[in-house]
Amino acid sequence: MNGVRRFLGGGLANGAPSQSPPQQTPIPPPIQPTAPLSISKPSWPPSPTGTQPDSPLGSPKTTTVSLFLRKDKQRPVAQPGEEGSEGSPGGQSTRPTSNSSSILSPSRSRGSMPASSPATTPGGPSQSLPSSPGAGPSSSPVRPGMSNRKSVMSRKSIHHVDQNFRPGSGMFNTKDELLMDLLASEAVVDSRNYLILSAEEVEELKKEQQVLTSRLVALDKKLTLETKIRDAAVSLSKVNAANKKMSKQTQEQLDAANNKVDVAQKELWRVSERANDISRKLLEHRAGVLGFSVRSLEKKNAPNNDAMDFDGSGYDTPNRSSAMSPTSSAQTSVSSKARFEGPHYFAGHVDAIVPQVPRPPPTIADIITLEEKLKVVSDNLSAANRKQVEMRQELSLLQLEKEQLETSAQLEIQDAEASVAAIQQELLEEKETWERDRAALEERDRQIETLESRLEVLEEQSGEVSELQDSLVRARQESQRKDLEIEDLRSRLDIGTQSGEAKGALLDLQDELDRYRQALHQLTNAHGITVASADPSFSPSIEMYIEAIAGDLEERRFAQLEWVTAQRKLEETVQEANSKASNLAQELDRVKREREEIRSQLSAVRSSPQERSTTPSAVEYTGDAAKVMAVLQPLWSILPSPEARASKLGPRAPFRTGLASPTSSPGSPKIGATSLSDLDVRTLKTLYDNRVSNPASPNFGSFTVEALAARVQALVQDDRALIERLIRFAQAHDLLKKNAERAQKLAQESNQALETYQKQVKTLEERHTTMAARQTALQQEVDRLQETIERITAEKHEVEMHAAEQAETCRQLTQANNALSAQTLTLAEEAASASEGVRRQTEAQLVELKTSLQKAEDELEAFRISEQSQRAALLDELNSMQTENGNLRAQLRAVAAKK
């Protein structure tokens, strides 16, 4: 090992002046801790701070002490601009050799030494060596002393490689071959345990990586958009903070936006983690492949380069003279480097070479045995070459089958996409029809609700009409009572002298009656009741109103009948769909059974050549021809001849395809026109199964290469026809399956819709019965109202007659008043001319008359007050009836407008 140490010392001494600063003092200052190597990858999830556990590679079994060399040189302070070149795709450091205080062995690169382990320099105190991070991409970078980085919106993906990274950037010298050899050996040892994937897995990972990259871009855009929406919602909530109603709505919008942002961020994290895993697998695969190729190159070059210089015993050091010679050429240095860089020089390494005793030169017997072994190896090599050719042929056949399967799969996918598009279109159309039906049902429900509300209003109005009728009865009684009072007053006025005032009271009563009459006319005009004559009778107008309501109800009844017929049609459609679904399910089961039979037959056909390949050939050959014939003879016995095909397909094919008559002979030329894809399952089963159908049937013809080629061509044609038939079966099966699923889904939805319709029909029927009952009640109420109106009209006529009588009475009272006035004048004259006694008597009579007149006036005032109160009550009732009739008329107009 002295030569190795001297070589290492010389290499380091030659490369040190150009890369490291001059040595300062014997005791170097403490080394500043530097950040470990980091890989450009997303900052989530945050990695915990702290020291990593030591790698198992740091055990004494895999660690060499001889390469742990030190140089008493100070590490320069790292420049700020060198952080971009710290990370590399392989996880290796790109710092120059002068910056490192030790040279680590390849087996210590993953675990290295902990930060707390001191390393003593010659002539100085102990210094802590910085721990080296793992070289693999699976290790997460740890930065001691730094807080965990939080996830932010502008995270970068693992695929965004640092653009500032270059293999030769910074102070790193790539011409230092020794350091490059050490780094390469370290990377080879690190990549020993990495998993090497197959080509298919690598392609799948690359495709998935491309998909995930596009998804990451889309998710990043989506997250940015959702973040902007969330920010807008926050701003809107701040603006609408004063308004309680708007603030509640904006708060709900803000919560929804926050939920969307969280969902998008979680999805971005999940996809980025998956992309990081795929990148790590690909990097490990590449590192493993490169390490394996380097190890294989070392193993290949080691015997060629070392056989001329030493015998592998380990006692000679081939690099001693070339390393110590200052005038060595570049070629000598390259060869020495190639011999040195192998792991067999490392003490304690797995592939280390143990020194052995030199062996004597080979003898003649050894040479003869070696020649015999060489012949055997050459024979084996030729056999392997032939086997390789056969395997290549089989591989080409398998590739052809793979291409056929891919084309069939593409056709199936295209058909499936077309069927899916058609189903989606049908679903959209059905959805539109369902939405239209739903809208129509909702419209009918609204109409029914409006009718119910109108019926309730009519019921309330009927109650009010009954109250009005009671009030009219009370008014009639009051009017009768007033008539009696008027008669009493008239009798009193005949006696007294207050005929003028009584006449004024009668005039007031006449005015009140006129006002009542005008109020009734206004009521009929306000409610749109047309009066044919001057007599404002309500019966014809109310009859017309009732007829209009009856017409509306009849239209509702017709609409309900139409809806019932539509429901029956829908039920019939659902039943037809159910029957179609059952038929499709039966057809699907039949196709599945046929497919299973065809699969079993194909498996039997494929397994029959393997079973028959063990049968020995009847003809014996010698040499290579015997091997070829031994391989081809079982195929000859398995493959049916054209005569056998004609004999098997002749009597059965015509019944299936109809290409020939049932009485045609087995050797008829029309058999050749029969397609294999048109045969039934039993014929296909017996075509290639000679042992089951005809175990003792002889094979037609003798074995020749041309006949074998003809049979193989027939087999290829049969295979193509079977593949085409399988493709058609698969397409039909998928189509039937999709149709069955669609029909089943339609049937379920139709059943649900039918149940909903039945419930709605029941509800409508109940509502119809209630409406019919309400209609009958309203009809009865209208009849009662009509009778009441007739009675009111008769009473009005009576009031008019009483008013005429009162006018006549007032006229008579006026005449009586005039007569009394004349008598009063005469009495005054008589009083003036009469004596004192007569005057006193007259005065007493006058006083009596005045008192009686005062009583009559008081009674007349009371009567007038009662009449005014009754008039006010009647006006209030008339106003309420007018408003209710106006509301009812507006509702009727709205119903008519909707129709």
Foldseek 3Di string as FASTA:
>chain_A
DVLVVLLVVLLCVVPPVVQADDADDQADDAADDDFAFAAQAWLPPWDDADDDDADPLPDPLNAFPVQWDFDRHHADDDDPVCNLAQYDLQQDGQHAPNNAGTQGALSQQDGNDDQPDWDDDVPYGTYGHHGYHGRALVDHGHGHPDDTDDDDLPTDFSPPRRPPHDNPPDSGDPVSVVVVLRVLSSLLVSLQPFDADDPVVLVVLVVLLVVLVVVLVVLSVVLVVLVVQLVVLVVQLVVCVVPPVSNVVSVVVNVVSVVSNVVSVVVSVVSRVVSSVSSSSVSSNVSNVVSVVVLVVLVVVQCVLCVVPDDLQPPDDRCNVVSPDPPHDPVVVVSNVSNPSDPLCGPSHPNHRHHDDDDDDDDPVVVVVVVVVVVVVVVVVVVVVVVVVVVVVVVVVVVVVVVVVVVLVVVLVVLVVVVVVVLVVVVVVVVVVVVVVVVVVVVVVVVLVLVVVLLVLLVVVLVLLVVVLVLVVVVLVVVVVLLVVLVVLLVLLLVFQPLVVLLVLLVVVVVLLVVVLVLLVVLCVLLVQDDPDPQPFRVVSLVVVLVVVVVVLVVVVVVLVVVVVVLVVLVVVLVVLVVVLVVLVVVLVVLVVQVVLVVVLVVVLVCVLVVQLPDADPDADDDPVRVVCSRCVSVLVQQAALLLQLQLCVQQQCVQPVQDDNPDDSPDPSSVVRQLLRGGSVSSSCSRCCCVPPVPDDGPDDDDPVRSVVSVVVVVSNVVSVVVSVSVSVSVSVVSVVSSVSSVVVSVVSVVVSVVVVVVSVVVVVSSVVVVVSSVVSVVSSVVSSVSSVVVSVVSVVVVVSSVVSSVSSVVSVVSSVVVVVVVVVLVVCLVVDDPVSVVVVVVVVVVSVVSVVVSVVSSVVSVVVVVVSSVVVVVSSVVSSVSSSVSVVSVVVVVVVD
